[in-house]
N, C-alpha and C. Protein backbone atom coordinates (compact mmCIF):
# COMPACT_ATOMS: atom_id res chain seq x y z
N UNK A 1 0.73 -1.20 0.00
CA UNK A 1 -0.03 0.05 0.00
C UNK A 1 0.83 1.29 -0.01
N UNK A 2 2.11 1.20 -0.20
CA UNK A 2 2.98 2.39 -0.16
C UNK A 2 2.74 3.11 -1.45
N UNK A 3 2.50 4.50 -1.40
CA UNK A 3 2.31 5.26 -2.58
C UNK A 3 3.30 6.33 -2.76
N UNK A 4 3.68 6.94 -1.63
CA UNK A 4 4.69 8.03 -1.60
C UNK A 4 5.86 7.66 -0.77
N UNK A 5 6.99 8.15 -1.18
CA UNK A 5 8.23 7.85 -0.36
C UNK A 5 8.99 9.16 -0.23
N UNK A 6 9.44 9.44 1.10
CA UNK A 6 10.35 10.50 1.38
C UNK A 6 11.62 9.89 1.93
N UNK A 7 12.73 10.19 1.25
CA UNK A 7 14.04 9.68 1.74
C UNK A 7 14.64 10.74 2.56
N UNK A 8 15.10 10.43 3.83
CA UNK A 8 15.78 11.33 4.71
C UNK A 8 17.24 11.06 4.57
N UNK A 9 17.99 12.00 4.01
CA UNK A 9 19.42 11.90 3.82
C UNK A 9 20.22 12.73 4.81
N UNK A 10 19.71 12.94 6.00
CA UNK A 10 20.22 13.86 7.09
C UNK A 10 21.65 13.38 7.39
N UNK A 11 21.92 12.12 7.56
CA UNK A 11 23.26 11.74 7.94
C UNK A 11 24.01 11.03 6.81
N UNK A 12 23.71 11.47 5.56
CA UNK A 12 24.38 10.81 4.41
C UNK A 12 25.26 11.96 3.75
N UNK A 13 26.51 11.60 3.50
CA UNK A 13 27.44 12.57 2.85
C UNK A 13 27.86 12.08 1.48
N UNK A 14 27.68 10.84 1.20
CA UNK A 14 28.18 10.24 -0.09
C UNK A 14 27.11 9.39 -0.74
N UNK A 15 27.07 9.42 -2.04
CA UNK A 15 26.18 8.52 -2.77
C UNK A 15 26.91 8.14 -4.07
N UNK A 16 26.84 6.80 -4.42
CA UNK A 16 27.39 6.40 -5.64
C UNK A 16 26.27 5.96 -6.59
N UNK A 17 26.60 5.26 -7.69
CA UNK A 17 25.66 4.93 -8.66
C UNK A 17 24.58 3.96 -8.11
N UNK A 18 24.93 3.18 -7.13
CA UNK A 18 23.98 2.23 -6.52
C UNK A 18 22.88 3.08 -5.75
N UNK A 19 23.29 4.07 -5.07
CA UNK A 19 22.27 4.95 -4.49
C UNK A 19 21.36 5.67 -5.44
N UNK A 20 21.95 6.16 -6.53
CA UNK A 20 21.21 6.79 -7.55
C UNK A 20 20.23 5.80 -8.20
N UNK A 21 20.70 4.56 -8.44
CA UNK A 21 19.80 3.48 -9.02
C UNK A 21 18.68 3.14 -8.07
N UNK A 22 18.93 3.14 -6.70
CA UNK A 22 17.93 2.83 -5.78
C UNK A 22 16.87 3.95 -5.77
N UNK A 23 17.25 5.17 -5.86
CA UNK A 23 16.30 6.33 -5.92
C UNK A 23 15.46 6.16 -7.20
N UNK A 24 16.06 5.87 -8.32
CA UNK A 24 15.31 5.75 -9.55
C UNK A 24 14.33 4.59 -9.51
N UNK A 25 14.74 3.52 -8.91
CA UNK A 25 13.85 2.39 -8.78
C UNK A 25 12.61 2.72 -7.95
N UNK A 26 12.83 3.41 -6.88
CA UNK A 26 11.66 3.79 -5.98
C UNK A 26 10.87 4.88 -6.66
N UNK A 27 11.44 5.71 -7.50
CA UNK A 27 10.67 6.71 -8.33
C UNK A 27 9.75 5.98 -9.29
N UNK A 28 10.31 4.97 -9.96
CA UNK A 28 9.42 4.21 -10.90
C UNK A 28 8.30 3.49 -10.19
N UNK A 29 8.54 2.96 -9.06
CA UNK A 29 7.56 2.31 -8.21
C UNK A 29 6.48 3.21 -7.82
N UNK A 30 6.83 4.39 -7.27
CA UNK A 30 5.84 5.33 -6.79
C UNK A 30 5.02 5.94 -7.90
N UNK A 31 5.67 6.17 -9.01
CA UNK A 31 4.90 6.81 -10.18
C UNK A 31 3.90 5.81 -10.71
N UNK A 32 4.26 4.52 -10.72
CA UNK A 32 3.27 3.52 -11.16
C UNK A 32 2.04 3.42 -10.27
N UNK A 33 2.26 3.82 -8.96
CA UNK A 33 1.13 3.80 -8.01
C UNK A 33 0.42 5.12 -7.93
N UNK A 34 0.90 6.09 -8.76
CA UNK A 34 0.29 7.45 -8.77
C UNK A 34 0.81 8.28 -7.64
N UNK A 35 1.95 7.97 -7.06
CA UNK A 35 2.51 8.76 -6.00
C UNK A 35 3.73 9.47 -6.39
N UNK A 36 4.48 9.99 -5.42
CA UNK A 36 5.69 10.73 -5.63
C UNK A 36 6.86 10.19 -4.75
N UNK A 37 8.00 10.41 -5.21
CA UNK A 37 9.30 10.21 -4.45
C UNK A 37 9.93 11.52 -4.25
N UNK A 38 10.29 11.79 -2.97
CA UNK A 38 11.02 13.03 -2.74
C UNK A 38 12.21 12.69 -1.72
N UNK A 39 13.12 13.70 -1.64
CA UNK A 39 14.25 13.55 -0.74
C UNK A 39 14.28 14.80 0.11
N UNK A 40 14.87 14.57 1.33
CA UNK A 40 14.90 15.72 2.25
C UNK A 40 16.29 15.70 3.00
N UNK A 41 16.72 16.86 3.45
CA UNK A 41 17.93 17.00 4.24
C UNK A 41 19.19 16.63 3.46
N UNK A 42 19.35 17.08 2.30
CA UNK A 42 20.52 16.82 1.55
C UNK A 42 21.68 17.71 1.92
N UNK A 43 22.89 17.03 2.02
CA UNK A 43 24.13 17.80 2.16
C UNK A 43 24.44 18.51 0.87
N UNK A 44 25.37 19.51 0.89
CA UNK A 44 25.69 20.13 -0.30
C UNK A 44 26.31 19.12 -1.37
N UNK A 45 27.00 18.14 -0.92
CA UNK A 45 27.59 17.12 -1.78
C UNK A 45 26.51 16.31 -2.46
N UNK A 46 25.46 15.97 -1.71
CA UNK A 46 24.28 15.21 -2.34
C UNK A 46 23.49 16.09 -3.26
N UNK A 47 23.36 17.37 -2.96
CA UNK A 47 22.64 18.32 -3.82
C UNK A 47 23.40 18.35 -5.15
N UNK A 48 24.70 18.40 -5.07
CA UNK A 48 25.50 18.46 -6.32
C UNK A 48 25.27 17.17 -7.15
N UNK A 49 25.30 15.99 -6.48
CA UNK A 49 25.01 14.77 -7.19
C UNK A 49 23.68 14.69 -7.82
N UNK A 50 22.68 15.18 -7.12
CA UNK A 50 21.28 15.29 -7.68
C UNK A 50 21.25 16.17 -8.93
N UNK A 51 21.99 17.28 -8.93
CA UNK A 51 22.10 18.15 -10.08
C UNK A 51 22.77 17.49 -11.18
N UNK A 52 24.05 16.97 -11.02
CA UNK A 52 24.82 16.41 -11.99
C UNK A 52 24.10 15.22 -12.67
N UNK A 53 23.44 14.39 -11.85
CA UNK A 53 22.75 13.18 -12.41
C UNK A 53 21.45 13.51 -13.06
N UNK A 54 20.93 14.73 -12.83
CA UNK A 54 19.66 15.07 -13.40
C UNK A 54 18.44 14.62 -12.63
N UNK A 55 18.69 14.03 -11.48
CA UNK A 55 17.59 13.50 -10.58
C UNK A 55 16.69 14.69 -10.15
N UNK A 56 17.19 15.89 -10.00
CA UNK A 56 16.48 17.01 -9.53
C UNK A 56 15.25 17.24 -10.44
N UNK A 57 15.33 16.80 -11.67
CA UNK A 57 14.16 17.10 -12.61
C UNK A 57 12.99 16.16 -12.34
N UNK A 58 13.26 15.02 -11.67
CA UNK A 58 12.07 14.11 -11.43
C UNK A 58 11.84 13.82 -9.97
N UNK A 59 12.78 14.12 -9.08
CA UNK A 59 12.69 13.90 -7.65
C UNK A 59 12.53 15.24 -6.98
N UNK A 60 11.49 15.47 -6.17
CA UNK A 60 11.37 16.71 -5.43
C UNK A 60 12.34 16.78 -4.29
N UNK A 61 12.96 17.92 -4.05
CA UNK A 61 13.96 18.09 -3.05
C UNK A 61 13.36 19.10 -1.96
N UNK A 62 13.48 18.63 -0.67
CA UNK A 62 12.93 19.51 0.38
C UNK A 62 14.05 19.71 1.41
N UNK A 63 13.93 20.76 2.22
CA UNK A 63 14.88 21.04 3.22
C UNK A 63 14.73 20.19 4.53
N UNK A 64 13.51 19.72 4.72
CA UNK A 64 13.26 18.91 5.94
C UNK A 64 12.28 17.79 5.60
N UNK A 65 12.22 16.77 6.40
CA UNK A 65 11.30 15.72 6.28
C UNK A 65 9.85 16.17 6.45
N UNK A 66 9.73 17.09 7.46
CA UNK A 66 8.38 17.63 7.74
C UNK A 66 7.80 18.41 6.49
N UNK A 67 8.66 19.21 5.82
CA UNK A 67 8.33 19.92 4.67
C UNK A 67 7.93 19.01 3.55
N UNK A 68 8.66 17.91 3.37
CA UNK A 68 8.36 16.93 2.30
C UNK A 68 7.07 16.16 2.59
N UNK A 69 6.82 15.89 3.91
CA UNK A 69 5.60 15.13 4.29
C UNK A 69 4.40 16.01 4.10
N UNK A 70 4.46 17.25 4.34
CA UNK A 70 3.38 18.13 4.09
C UNK A 70 3.04 18.22 2.63
N UNK A 71 4.00 18.10 1.83
CA UNK A 71 3.82 18.26 0.37
C UNK A 71 3.11 17.02 -0.28
N UNK A 72 3.15 15.88 0.36
CA UNK A 72 2.54 14.73 -0.29
C UNK A 72 1.11 14.57 0.01
């Protein structure tokens, strides 16, 4: 019954292609269910990765989990 997912990256400073792949996989899952995938609490390094990879175009980015939860 999961429709929307908010990833909390508060304590994450590094992400490789496996992490990007996991986010894309969850994005595909939620969009098939009519939901959304979003991320919250990104470090500057992760924001850069989201921009370089192009994920920012399909994944919503929020400053806090609370902000992301209110948006769903």
